[in-house]
Amino acid sequence: MSEMIAGITIPDTALARETTEFIRETAPPLLYHHSRRVYLFGSLQGRRLGLKADAELLYVGAMFHDLGLIEGHRSTDQRFELDGADAARRFLTSHNVPETDVRKVWEAIALHTTPEVPYRLEPEVALVTAGVETDVLGLDYAELAEHDIAAVVTAHPRPDFKRQILRAFTDGFKDRPDTTFGTMNADVLEHFVPGFRHTDFVEVILNSAWPE
């Protein structure tokens, strides 16, 4: 029997079950529970917005979206969003998922920290971002029913989540600070890494090789 939380069904396909097993074994509880909440909150926001995503693809996108923060799955030369997106691509390709669907999941993960853009793309892309924005930033929190929020948090608790997720972000990309250029991730390092100062876009332009 499929698991249901807050009226949202957790996909029970072979691909979804393997995704759950992989992330549960790979990610710390903080990120496992966060990723499940991203799927659930994304689905609830999709219901509110009238966006219908393929549940299996949305689930994979949500579960893989923070994999690039985890030791052994993160690089030192690209953004953590791309690490997770690339890992999801490899996983889906190995399961013979069509390239069109692989692309949706890749974009959902790669763009999940990019404001506004995902909402102009497919529901699978938009709703990973919606789930992240609800769980991390509290955006549109008030638009969800209190009993649905309670059901999600009961199933996947978020003790001390604000501080714990900021620590996970910091640890996930403090050794590749240049990859935070142009993203909100630079704000995290500026708060928690002594001496870090984000790359200033205006200074990049003014100090470029062009004479004028």
Protein backbone atom coordinates (compact mmCIF):
# COMPACT_ATOMS: atom_id res chain seq x y z
CA MET A 1 0.00 0.00 0.00
CA SER A 2 1.33 3.44 -0.96
CA GLU A 3 2.31 5.78 1.85
CA MET A 4 0.22 8.96 2.10
CA ILE A 5 1.12 12.08 4.09
CA ALA A 6 -1.09 15.18 4.20
CA GLY A 7 -3.12 13.73 1.35
CA ILE A 8 -0.02 13.39 -0.84
CA THR A 9 0.95 9.93 -2.05
CA ILE A 10 4.60 8.95 -1.93
CA PRO A 11 5.34 7.23 -5.27
CA ASP A 12 5.68 3.47 -4.89
CA THR A 13 7.41 2.64 -8.14
CA ALA A 14 10.66 0.68 -8.28
CA LEU A 15 12.51 3.88 -9.23
CA ALA A 16 11.02 5.81 -6.30
CA ARG A 17 11.80 3.01 -3.85
CA GLU A 18 15.41 2.87 -5.03
CA THR A 19 15.61 6.65 -4.70
CA THR A 20 14.36 6.49 -1.13
CA GLU A 21 16.80 3.73 -0.23
CA PHE A 22 19.75 5.53 -1.81
CA ILE A 23 19.10 8.88 -0.14
CA ARG A 24 18.26 7.30 3.22
CA GLU A 25 21.59 5.43 3.17
CA THR A 26 23.61 8.35 1.76
CA ALA A 27 22.25 11.49 3.39
CA PRO A 28 22.23 12.41 7.07
CA PRO A 29 18.77 12.47 8.68
CA LEU A 30 18.67 16.27 8.37
CA LEU A 31 18.81 16.14 4.56
CA TYR A 32 16.73 12.98 4.19
CA HIS A 33 13.81 14.47 6.11
CA HIS A 34 14.26 17.84 4.42
CA SER A 35 14.17 16.23 0.98
CA ARG A 36 11.00 14.33 1.79
CA ARG A 37 9.39 17.53 3.04
CA VAL A 38 10.44 19.27 -0.18
CA TYR A 39 8.48 16.67 -2.15
CA LEU A 40 5.46 16.96 0.13
CA PHE A 41 5.42 20.74 0.35
CA GLY A 42 6.10 21.02 -3.37
CA SER A 43 3.14 18.75 -4.07
CA LEU A 44 0.91 20.72 -1.71
CA GLN A 45 1.94 23.99 -3.33
CA GLY A 46 1.33 22.43 -6.73
CA ARG A 47 -2.19 21.52 -5.70
CA ARG A 48 -2.76 25.13 -4.61
CA LEU A 49 -1.26 26.56 -7.81
CA GLY A 50 -2.98 24.14 -10.15
CA LEU A 51 0.31 22.60 -11.27
CA LYS A 52 0.27 18.86 -11.97
CA ALA A 53 3.70 17.23 -11.94
CA ASP A 54 4.72 13.67 -12.64
CA ALA A 55 4.93 12.47 -9.04
CA GLU A 56 7.81 10.08 -9.68
CA LEU A 57 9.99 12.71 -11.36
CA LEU A 58 9.13 15.32 -8.74
CA TYR A 59 10.07 12.84 -6.03
CA VAL A 60 13.45 12.05 -7.56
CA GLY A 61 14.17 15.76 -8.01
CA ALA A 62 13.26 16.53 -4.42
CA MET A 63 15.23 13.64 -2.98
CA PHE A 64 18.40 14.36 -4.98
CA HIS A 65 18.31 18.16 -4.76
CA ASP A 66 20.82 18.49 -1.89
CA LEU A 67 23.04 15.51 -2.67
CA GLY A 68 25.79 17.92 -3.73
CA LEU A 69 26.23 18.95 -0.09
CA ILE A 70 27.24 15.46 1.00
CA GLU A 71 30.81 14.25 1.32
CA GLY A 72 31.60 11.77 -1.43
CA HIS A 73 29.03 13.32 -3.76
CA ARG A 74 30.25 16.89 -3.90
CA SER A 75 32.97 18.31 -6.09
CA THR A 76 35.27 21.26 -5.50
CA ASP A 77 34.91 22.93 -8.88
CA GLN A 78 31.21 23.43 -9.52
CA ARG A 79 28.09 24.54 -7.68
CA PHE A 80 26.49 22.06 -5.34
CA GLU A 81 23.24 22.30 -7.31
CA LEU A 82 25.07 20.91 -10.34
CA ASP A 83 26.56 18.05 -8.33
CA GLY A 84 23.09 16.94 -7.31
CA ALA A 85 21.68 17.45 -10.80
CA ASP A 86 24.50 15.45 -12.40
CA ALA A 87 24.07 12.63 -9.87
CA ALA A 88 20.34 12.48 -10.59
CA ARG A 89 21.07 12.38 -14.33
CA ARG A 90 23.41 9.40 -13.86
CA PHE A 91 20.88 7.64 -11.66
CA LEU A 92 17.97 8.15 -14.04
CA THR A 93 19.99 7.32 -17.14
CA SER A 94 21.08 4.04 -15.53
CA HIS A 95 17.39 3.22 -15.14
CA ASN A 96 16.67 3.97 -18.82
CA VAL A 97 14.49 6.98 -18.08
CA PRO A 98 13.79 8.98 -21.27
CA GLU A 99 16.06 11.96 -21.82
CA THR A 100 13.15 14.40 -21.80
CA ASP A 101 12.32 13.33 -18.24
CA VAL A 102 15.96 13.29 -17.21
CA ARG A 103 16.26 16.89 -18.36
CA LYS A 104 13.27 17.96 -16.24
CA VAL A 105 14.81 16.48 -13.11
CA TRP A 106 18.24 17.90 -13.94
CA GLU A 107 16.81 21.39 -14.36
CA ALA A 108 14.68 21.05 -11.22
CA ILE A 109 17.79 20.42 -9.14
CA ALA A 110 20.16 22.77 -10.96
CA LEU A 111 17.73 25.69 -10.66
CA HIS A 112 16.27 25.11 -7.22
CA THR A 113 18.11 28.09 -5.70
CA THR A 114 17.34 30.39 -8.65
CA PRO A 115 14.37 32.67 -7.87
CA GLU A 116 11.43 32.90 -10.28
CA VAL A 117 12.89 31.08 -13.29
CA PRO A 118 11.70 27.56 -12.33
CA TYR A 119 8.09 28.74 -12.24
CA ARG A 120 8.29 29.44 -15.98
CA LEU A 121 9.30 25.83 -16.67
CA GLU A 122 7.62 22.44 -16.29
CA PRO A 123 5.74 21.60 -13.06
CA GLU A 124 8.45 19.14 -12.03
CA VAL A 125 10.97 21.99 -12.11
CA ALA A 126 8.71 24.56 -10.50
CA LEU A 127 7.57 22.37 -7.63
CA VAL A 128 11.01 21.28 -6.44
CA THR A 129 11.73 24.99 -6.03
CA ALA A 130 8.35 25.55 -4.38
CA GLY A 131 9.06 22.79 -1.87
CA VAL A 132 12.51 24.15 -1.09
CA GLU A 133 11.21 27.69 -0.71
CA THR A 134 8.50 26.56 1.70
CA ASP A 135 10.70 24.35 3.86
CA VAL A 136 13.82 26.55 3.98
CA LEU A 137 12.55 30.09 3.48
CA GLY A 138 8.97 29.79 4.67
CA LEU A 139 7.64 31.24 1.42
CA ASP A 140 3.90 30.63 0.98
CA TYR A 141 3.88 28.82 4.33
CA ALA A 142 0.69 30.65 5.25
CA GLU A 143 -1.00 29.46 2.06
CA LEU A 144 -0.97 25.84 3.26
CA ALA A 145 -3.50 24.36 5.68
CA GLU A 146 -2.20 24.06 9.24
CA HIS A 147 -3.25 20.41 9.44
CA ASP A 148 -1.27 19.60 6.27
CA ILE A 149 1.85 21.30 7.62
CA ALA A 150 1.44 19.42 10.90
CA ALA A 151 1.09 16.09 9.10
CA VAL A 152 4.25 16.68 7.07
CA VAL A 153 6.31 17.77 10.07
CA THR A 154 5.02 14.89 12.18
CA ALA A 155 6.18 12.43 9.53
CA HIS A 156 9.43 14.27 8.89
CA PRO A 157 10.41 16.43 11.88
CA ARG A 158 12.57 19.53 11.58
CA PRO A 159 14.24 19.98 15.00
CA ASP A 160 16.57 23.02 15.06
CA PHE A 161 16.25 22.99 11.29
CA LYS A 162 17.13 26.63 10.60
CA ARG A 163 20.55 26.40 12.24
CA GLN A 164 21.22 22.84 11.09
CA ILE A 165 20.51 23.51 7.42
CA LEU A 166 22.69 26.63 7.48
CA ARG A 167 25.51 24.51 8.90
CA ALA A 168 24.98 21.93 6.16
CA PHE A 169 25.10 24.64 3.51
CA THR A 170 28.28 26.12 4.98
CA ASP A 171 30.02 22.76 5.20
CA GLY A 172 28.82 21.87 1.72
CA PHE A 173 30.49 24.70 -0.14
CA LYS A 174 32.95 26.50 2.12
CA ASP A 175 35.80 24.70 0.32
CA ARG A 176 34.59 25.95 -3.08
CA PRO A 177 33.64 29.55 -2.34
CA ASP A 178 34.09 30.73 -5.93
CA THR A 179 31.15 28.55 -6.96
CA THR A 180 28.80 30.69 -4.87
CA PHE A 181 29.28 33.73 -7.12
CA GLY A 182 25.94 35.17 -8.20
CA THR A 183 23.88 33.01 -5.85
CA MET A 184 22.34 33.31 -2.39
CA ASN A 185 24.89 30.72 -1.25
CA ALA A 186 27.44 33.52 -0.95
CA ASP A 187 25.28 35.00 1.83
CA VAL A 188 25.74 31.82 3.86
CA LEU A 189 29.52 31.94 3.61
CA GLU A 190 29.58 35.66 4.40
CA HIS A 191 27.74 34.93 7.64
CA PHE A 192 29.65 31.85 8.76
CA VAL A 193 33.14 31.84 7.20
CA PRO A 194 35.44 34.45 8.77
CA GLY A 195 37.03 36.73 6.20
CA PHE A 196 34.83 35.64 3.27
CA ARG A 197 33.52 38.42 1.09
CA HIS A 198 31.29 37.66 -1.85
CA THR A 199 32.50 38.47 -5.34
CA ASP A 200 31.00 41.81 -6.28
CA PHE A 201 29.43 41.78 -9.75
CA VAL A 202 29.99 45.51 -10.20
CA GLU A 203 33.68 45.13 -9.38
CA VAL A 204 33.97 42.28 -11.87
CA ILE A 205 32.68 44.57 -14.61
CA LEU A 206 34.76 47.58 -13.60
CA ASN A 207 37.95 45.52 -13.25
CA SER A 208 37.52 43.46 -16.41
CA ALA A 209 40.13 43.37 -19.17
CA TRP A 210 38.15 45.82 -21.32
CA PRO A 211 39.75 49.31 -21.45
CA GLU A 212 36.37 51.09 -21.31
